[in-house]
N, C-alpha and C. Protein backbone atom coordinates (compact mmCIF):
# COMPACT_ATOMS: atom_id res chain seq x y z
N UNK A 1 12.61 -3.56 -11.36
CA UNK A 1 11.29 -2.95 -11.73
C UNK A 1 12.08 -2.07 -10.08
N UNK A 2 11.76 -0.82 -9.85
CA UNK A 2 11.01 -0.27 -8.96
C UNK A 2 10.24 -0.25 -8.32
N UNK A 3 9.49 -0.46 -7.06
CA UNK A 3 8.70 -0.95 -7.16
C UNK A 3 7.59 0.66 -5.51
N UNK A 4 9.32 0.70 -4.56
CA UNK A 4 9.04 2.10 -4.01
C UNK A 4 10.14 2.49 -3.49
N UNK A 5 9.36 3.58 -3.11
CA UNK A 5 10.72 4.52 -2.86
C UNK A 5 10.26 4.61 -0.98
N UNK A 6 11.57 5.48 -0.53
CA UNK A 6 11.22 5.01 0.78
C UNK A 6 11.31 7.15 1.20
N UNK A 7 10.07 7.49 1.49
CA UNK A 7 10.52 9.73 1.53
C UNK A 7 10.12 9.84 2.53
N UNK A 8 10.77 11.18 2.32
CA UNK A 8 9.86 12.09 4.14
C UNK A 8 8.84 12.32 3.63
N UNK A 9 7.60 12.88 5.19
CA UNK A 9 6.94 13.72 5.33
C UNK A 9 7.16 15.22 5.22
N UNK A 10 6.93 16.54 4.51
CA UNK A 10 7.59 17.04 4.76
C UNK A 10 7.26 17.97 6.19
N UNK A 11 5.82 18.13 6.62
CA UNK A 11 5.37 18.28 7.40
C UNK A 11 5.73 17.78 9.27
N UNK A 12 5.66 16.31 8.51
CA UNK A 12 5.23 15.04 10.41
C UNK A 12 7.34 14.88 10.28
N UNK A 13 7.55 15.05 8.85
CA UNK A 13 9.49 14.10 8.90
C UNK A 13 8.92 13.10 9.50
N UNK A 14 7.60 11.34 9.24
CA UNK A 14 8.30 10.42 9.30
C UNK A 14 8.08 10.15 7.73
N UNK A 15 8.84 9.12 7.64
CA UNK A 15 9.10 8.51 6.53
C UNK A 15 7.95 7.25 6.22
N UNK A 16 7.44 7.14 4.33
CA UNK A 16 6.41 6.33 4.41
C UNK A 16 6.75 6.17 2.73
N UNK A 17 6.75 4.59 2.52
CA UNK A 17 6.45 3.89 0.81
C UNK A 17 6.00 5.11 0.07
N UNK A 18 6.12 5.47 -0.95
CA UNK A 18 5.79 5.80 -1.95
C UNK A 18 5.82 4.66 -2.65
N UNK A 19 4.49 3.86 -3.02
CA UNK A 19 4.67 2.59 -4.00
C UNK A 19 3.62 2.95 -5.80
N UNK A 20 4.85 2.24 -6.38
CA UNK A 20 4.71 1.96 -8.05
C UNK A 20 3.76 0.85 -8.50
N UNK A 21 2.77 -0.12 -7.21
CA UNK A 21 2.27 -0.76 -7.96
C UNK A 21 1.16 -0.71 -8.11
N UNK A 22 -0.13 -1.55 -8.47
CA UNK A 22 -1.69 -1.54 -7.71
C UNK A 22 -2.46 -2.45 -7.78
N UNK A 23 -2.86 -3.21 -7.51
CA UNK A 23 -3.92 -3.92 -7.30
C UNK A 23 -3.38 -5.36 -6.48
N UNK A 24 -3.07 -6.25 -7.64
CA UNK A 24 -2.30 -7.40 -7.27
C UNK A 24 -0.95 -7.60 -7.26
N UNK A 25 -0.20 -6.31 -7.75
CA UNK A 25 1.19 -6.65 -7.86
C UNK A 25 1.38 -6.09 -6.66
N UNK A 26 0.53 -5.44 -5.47
CA UNK A 26 0.59 -5.44 -3.92
C UNK A 26 0.35 -6.83 -3.34
N UNK A 27 -0.46 -7.25 -3.91
CA UNK A 27 -0.45 -8.11 -2.98
C UNK A 27 0.20 -9.62 -2.75
N UNK A 28 0.88 -9.89 -4.17
CA UNK A 28 2.36 -9.92 -4.20
C UNK A 28 3.45 -9.83 -3.71
N UNK A 29 3.35 -8.89 -3.39
CA UNK A 29 5.09 -8.60 -2.87
C UNK A 29 4.96 -8.73 -1.17
N UNK A 30 5.72 -9.00 -1.51
CA UNK A 30 6.23 -9.56 0.52
C UNK A 30 5.64 -8.69 1.88
N UNK A 31 6.62 -7.89 0.91
CA UNK A 31 7.29 -6.55 1.55
C UNK A 31 6.37 -5.29 1.81
N UNK A 32 5.32 -5.11 0.70
CA UNK A 32 4.08 -4.75 0.79
C UNK A 32 2.51 -4.38 1.48
N UNK A 33 3.03 -6.47 1.16
CA UNK A 33 1.35 -6.69 1.32
C UNK A 33 0.87 -6.69 2.75
N UNK A 34 -0.03 -6.20 3.64
CA UNK A 34 -0.50 -6.48 4.69
C UNK A 34 -2.33 -6.89 4.27
N UNK A 35 -2.27 -6.97 3.33
CA UNK A 35 -3.32 -8.46 3.88
C UNK A 35 -4.58 -7.35 3.79
N UNK A 36 -5.73 -7.61 5.36
CA UNK A 36 -7.07 -7.16 5.55
C UNK A 36 -6.49 -5.93 6.34
N UNK A 37 -4.97 -5.31 6.62
CA UNK A 37 -4.66 -3.98 7.58
C UNK A 37 -4.63 -3.47 6.73
N UNK A 38 -5.23 -3.01 4.86
CA UNK A 38 -5.24 -1.93 4.53
C UNK A 38 -6.18 -0.70 4.79
N UNK A 39 -6.17 0.43 5.44
CA UNK A 39 -7.37 1.09 5.66
C UNK A 39 -8.11 1.24 4.00
N UNK A 40 -9.60 1.66 4.47
CA UNK A 40 -10.56 1.60 3.09
C UNK A 40 -9.58 2.77 2.26
N UNK A 41 -9.26 3.89 2.60
CA UNK A 41 -8.34 5.27 1.62
C UNK A 41 -6.96 4.30 0.98
N UNK A 42 -6.64 3.27 1.74
CA UNK A 42 -5.14 2.95 0.78
C UNK A 42 -5.83 1.94 -0.71
N UNK A 43 -6.98 1.80 0.34
CA UNK A 43 -7.32 0.48 -0.52
C UNK A 43 -7.66 0.95 -1.99
N UNK A 44 -8.74 2.08 -1.77
CA UNK A 44 -8.82 3.04 -2.65
C UNK A 44 -7.70 3.57 -3.77
N UNK A 45 -6.65 3.75 -3.08
CA UNK A 45 -5.68 4.26 -3.56
C UNK A 45 -4.72 4.00 -4.91
N UNK A 46 -4.76 2.13 -3.95
CA UNK A 46 -3.73 1.12 -4.17
C UNK A 46 -4.45 0.54 -4.99
N UNK A 47 -5.87 0.85 -5.51
CA UNK A 47 -6.57 -0.57 -6.21
C UNK A 47 -6.91 -1.49 -5.90
N UNK A 48 -7.26 -1.66 -4.51
CA UNK A 48 -7.69 -3.43 -3.70
C UNK A 48 -8.86 -2.97 -3.62
N UNK A 49 -9.49 -2.53 -4.05
CA UNK A 49 -11.27 -2.77 -3.45
C UNK A 49 -11.78 -3.63 -4.43
N UNK A 50 -12.23 -4.52 -4.12
CA UNK A 50 -12.58 -5.66 -4.39
C UNK A 50 -11.77 -7.06 -4.32
N UNK A 51 -10.65 -7.26 -3.79
CA UNK A 51 -9.81 -7.74 -3.71
C UNK A 51 -9.10 -8.17 -2.92
N UNK A 52 -9.68 -7.96 -1.68
CA UNK A 52 -9.86 -8.18 -0.39
C UNK A 52 -10.56 -8.55 0.69
N UNK A 53 -10.72 -9.36 1.39
CA UNK A 53 -11.93 -8.70 2.73
C UNK A 53 -12.12 -7.91 3.33
N UNK A 54 -12.58 -7.22 3.42
CA UNK A 54 -12.37 -6.50 5.00
C UNK A 54 -12.32 -6.73 6.30
N UNK A 55 -11.68 -6.60 7.21
CA UNK A 55 -11.25 -6.78 8.49
C UNK A 55 -12.31 -6.67 9.34
N UNK A 56 -12.10 -7.70 10.11
CA UNK A 56 -13.38 -8.51 11.44
C UNK A 56 -12.93 -7.63 12.39
C-alpha cells in the first residue's frame, strides 16, 4: 500500500509529503510519525486530534 507521495509546491519549489494515511496509521509508521511535533493544523488534517498529548 502506498502511504505517501513526495510532491513539489509550485509556488515555493519546496518538497512535501502528500500522506494517504490518517490517525493511528500515521502514528504506527516510523517514517511519518513526528510524535508531539505535529502542529494543530496537521493534527486536524491528519485525524490526530485526541490521539496525542500537546507538546510542552
